[in-house]
Amino acid sequence: MKEQAQANTLCLSCRRTCKQPVAVLIAACPRYYAGPKIKRCTWKQLELTLEPK
C-alpha cells in the first residue's frame, strides 16, 4: 500500500485507502460509519420428548 506524505493525521492510522490531504477538515470518515445491518437468526432449541408412544 502506498503511503502519502501529506496525509491527514487521522487518516494515517486508518487502513482504508481513502487518505485525505492535511488541509482537509474531516467531518465524516467511512471508518466511523455504522456497519451494514446483518440479519441475525436466533436459533431456538427444539424440545426433545423422550416419552414412549
N, C-alpha and C. Protein backbone atom coordinates (compact mmCIF):
# COMPACT_ATOMS: atom_id res chain seq x y z
N MET A 1 0.84 -1.18 0.00
CA MET A 1 0.00 0.00 0.00
C MET A 1 0.88 1.23 0.00
N LYS A 2 0.48 2.22 -0.76
CA LYS A 2 1.23 3.47 -0.85
C LYS A 2 0.87 4.39 0.30
N GLU A 3 1.85 4.96 0.94
CA GLU A 3 1.60 5.95 1.97
C GLU A 3 1.86 7.33 1.39
N GLN A 4 0.94 8.24 1.67
CA GLN A 4 1.12 9.60 1.20
C GLN A 4 1.77 10.41 2.31
N ALA A 5 2.77 11.20 1.97
CA ALA A 5 3.47 12.01 2.97
C ALA A 5 2.60 13.14 3.47
N GLN A 6 1.64 13.59 2.66
CA GLN A 6 0.80 14.72 3.02
C GLN A 6 -0.57 14.27 3.52
N ALA A 7 -0.69 13.08 4.08
CA ALA A 7 -1.99 12.59 4.55
C ALA A 7 -2.33 13.17 5.91
N ASN A 8 -3.60 13.27 6.18
CA ASN A 8 -4.11 13.78 7.45
C ASN A 8 -3.70 12.83 8.58
N THR A 9 -3.49 13.36 9.78
CA THR A 9 -3.03 12.51 10.89
C THR A 9 -4.07 11.48 11.28
N LEU A 10 -5.35 11.80 11.15
CA LEU A 10 -6.40 10.83 11.44
C LEU A 10 -6.38 9.71 10.41
N CYS A 11 -6.06 10.05 9.17
CA CYS A 11 -6.04 9.06 8.09
C CYS A 11 -4.80 8.16 8.15
N LEU A 12 -3.74 8.61 8.77
CA LEU A 12 -2.52 7.80 8.82
C LEU A 12 -2.73 6.51 9.60
N SER A 13 -3.59 6.53 10.62
CA SER A 13 -3.83 5.33 11.41
C SER A 13 -4.93 4.46 10.84
N CYS A 14 -5.52 4.87 9.73
CA CYS A 14 -6.63 4.14 9.13
C CYS A 14 -6.10 3.16 8.09
N ARG A 15 -6.74 2.01 7.97
CA ARG A 15 -6.29 1.02 6.99
C ARG A 15 -6.94 1.20 5.63
N ARG A 16 -7.92 2.08 5.53
CA ARG A 16 -8.57 2.33 4.25
C ARG A 16 -7.65 3.12 3.32
N THR A 17 -7.95 3.10 2.05
CA THR A 17 -7.09 3.76 1.07
C THR A 17 -7.55 5.17 0.73
N CYS A 18 -8.61 5.66 1.36
CA CYS A 18 -9.15 6.99 1.05
C CYS A 18 -8.46 8.05 1.90
N LYS A 19 -7.16 8.18 1.79
CA LYS A 19 -6.39 9.14 2.59
C LYS A 19 -6.71 10.57 2.15
N GLN A 20 -6.99 11.43 3.12
CA GLN A 20 -7.33 12.82 2.85
C GLN A 20 -6.09 13.70 3.04
N PRO A 21 -6.01 14.81 2.31
CA PRO A 21 -4.88 15.74 2.49
C PRO A 21 -4.89 16.39 3.87
N VAL A 22 -3.76 16.96 4.25
CA VAL A 22 -3.60 17.59 5.56
C VAL A 22 -4.54 18.78 5.72
N ALA A 23 -4.76 19.54 4.66
CA ALA A 23 -5.56 20.77 4.74
C ALA A 23 -7.06 20.50 4.89
N VAL A 24 -7.49 19.26 4.72
CA VAL A 24 -8.92 18.94 4.76
C VAL A 24 -9.36 18.69 6.20
N LEU A 25 -10.48 19.30 6.58
CA LEU A 25 -11.09 19.03 7.88
C LEU A 25 -12.06 17.87 7.68
N ILE A 26 -11.80 16.77 8.35
CA ILE A 26 -12.61 15.57 8.15
C ILE A 26 -13.86 15.68 9.03
N ALA A 27 -15.02 15.75 8.37
CA ALA A 27 -16.28 15.83 9.09
C ALA A 27 -16.93 14.46 9.23
N ALA A 28 -16.73 13.61 8.24
CA ALA A 28 -17.30 12.27 8.28
C ALA A 28 -16.32 11.31 7.62
N CYS A 29 -15.93 10.31 8.35
CA CYS A 29 -14.97 9.34 7.85
C CYS A 29 -15.66 7.99 7.70
N PRO A 30 -15.44 7.28 6.59
CA PRO A 30 -16.08 5.97 6.41
C PRO A 30 -15.67 4.96 7.47
N ARG A 31 -14.55 5.18 8.12
CA ARG A 31 -14.11 4.26 9.17
C ARG A 31 -15.09 4.26 10.33
N TYR A 32 -15.74 5.39 10.57
CA TYR A 32 -16.64 5.52 11.70
C TYR A 32 -18.11 5.41 11.31
N TYR A 33 -18.40 5.08 10.05
CA TYR A 33 -19.78 4.87 9.65
C TYR A 33 -20.30 3.61 10.31
N ALA A 34 -21.57 3.54 10.49
CA ALA A 34 -22.17 2.32 11.05
C ALA A 34 -22.01 1.17 10.05
N GLY A 35 -21.79 0.00 10.56
CA GLY A 35 -21.61 -1.17 9.71
C GLY A 35 -22.91 -1.59 9.06
N PRO A 36 -22.84 -2.51 8.11
CA PRO A 36 -24.06 -2.95 7.45
C PRO A 36 -24.95 -3.73 8.41
N LYS A 37 -26.24 -3.58 8.23
CA LYS A 37 -27.19 -4.30 9.08
C LYS A 37 -27.24 -5.75 8.60
N ILE A 38 -26.87 -6.65 9.47
CA ILE A 38 -26.88 -8.07 9.14
C ILE A 38 -27.99 -8.73 9.94
N LYS A 39 -28.89 -9.38 9.23
CA LYS A 39 -29.99 -10.05 9.91
C LYS A 39 -29.43 -11.29 10.61
N ARG A 40 -29.68 -11.35 11.88
CA ARG A 40 -29.19 -12.48 12.67
C ARG A 40 -30.35 -13.40 13.01
N CYS A 41 -30.15 -14.67 12.79
CA CYS A 41 -31.17 -15.66 13.13
C CYS A 41 -30.95 -16.11 14.56
N THR A 42 -32.02 -16.11 15.31
CA THR A 42 -31.95 -16.61 16.68
C THR A 42 -32.47 -18.04 16.66
N TRP A 43 -31.58 -18.97 16.84
CA TRP A 43 -31.97 -20.37 16.82
C TRP A 43 -32.49 -20.76 18.19
N LYS A 44 -33.60 -21.46 18.19
CA LYS A 44 -34.20 -21.92 19.44
C LYS A 44 -34.03 -23.43 19.52
N GLN A 45 -33.78 -23.89 20.72
CA GLN A 45 -33.62 -25.32 20.94
C GLN A 45 -34.98 -25.99 20.84
N LEU A 46 -35.07 -27.02 20.02
CA LEU A 46 -36.32 -27.76 19.91
C LEU A 46 -36.45 -28.69 21.10
N GLU A 47 -37.68 -28.89 21.52
CA GLU A 47 -37.90 -29.79 22.65
C GLU A 47 -37.74 -31.23 22.17
N LEU A 48 -37.07 -32.00 22.96
CA LEU A 48 -36.86 -33.40 22.63
C LEU A 48 -37.64 -34.22 23.65
N THR A 49 -38.72 -34.78 23.20
CA THR A 49 -39.54 -35.57 24.12
C THR A 49 -39.08 -37.02 24.08
N LEU A 50 -38.79 -37.56 25.22
CA LEU A 50 -38.32 -38.94 25.31
C LEU A 50 -39.39 -39.87 25.87
N GLU A 51 -40.63 -39.48 25.70
CA GLU A 51 -41.73 -40.31 26.20
C GLU A 51 -42.06 -41.38 25.17
N PRO A 52 -42.21 -42.62 25.60
CA PRO A 52 -42.59 -43.69 24.65
C PRO A 52 -44.05 -43.53 24.23
N LYS A 53 -44.32 -43.88 23.01
CA LYS A 53 -45.69 -43.74 22.50
C LYS A 53 -46.49 -44.99 22.70
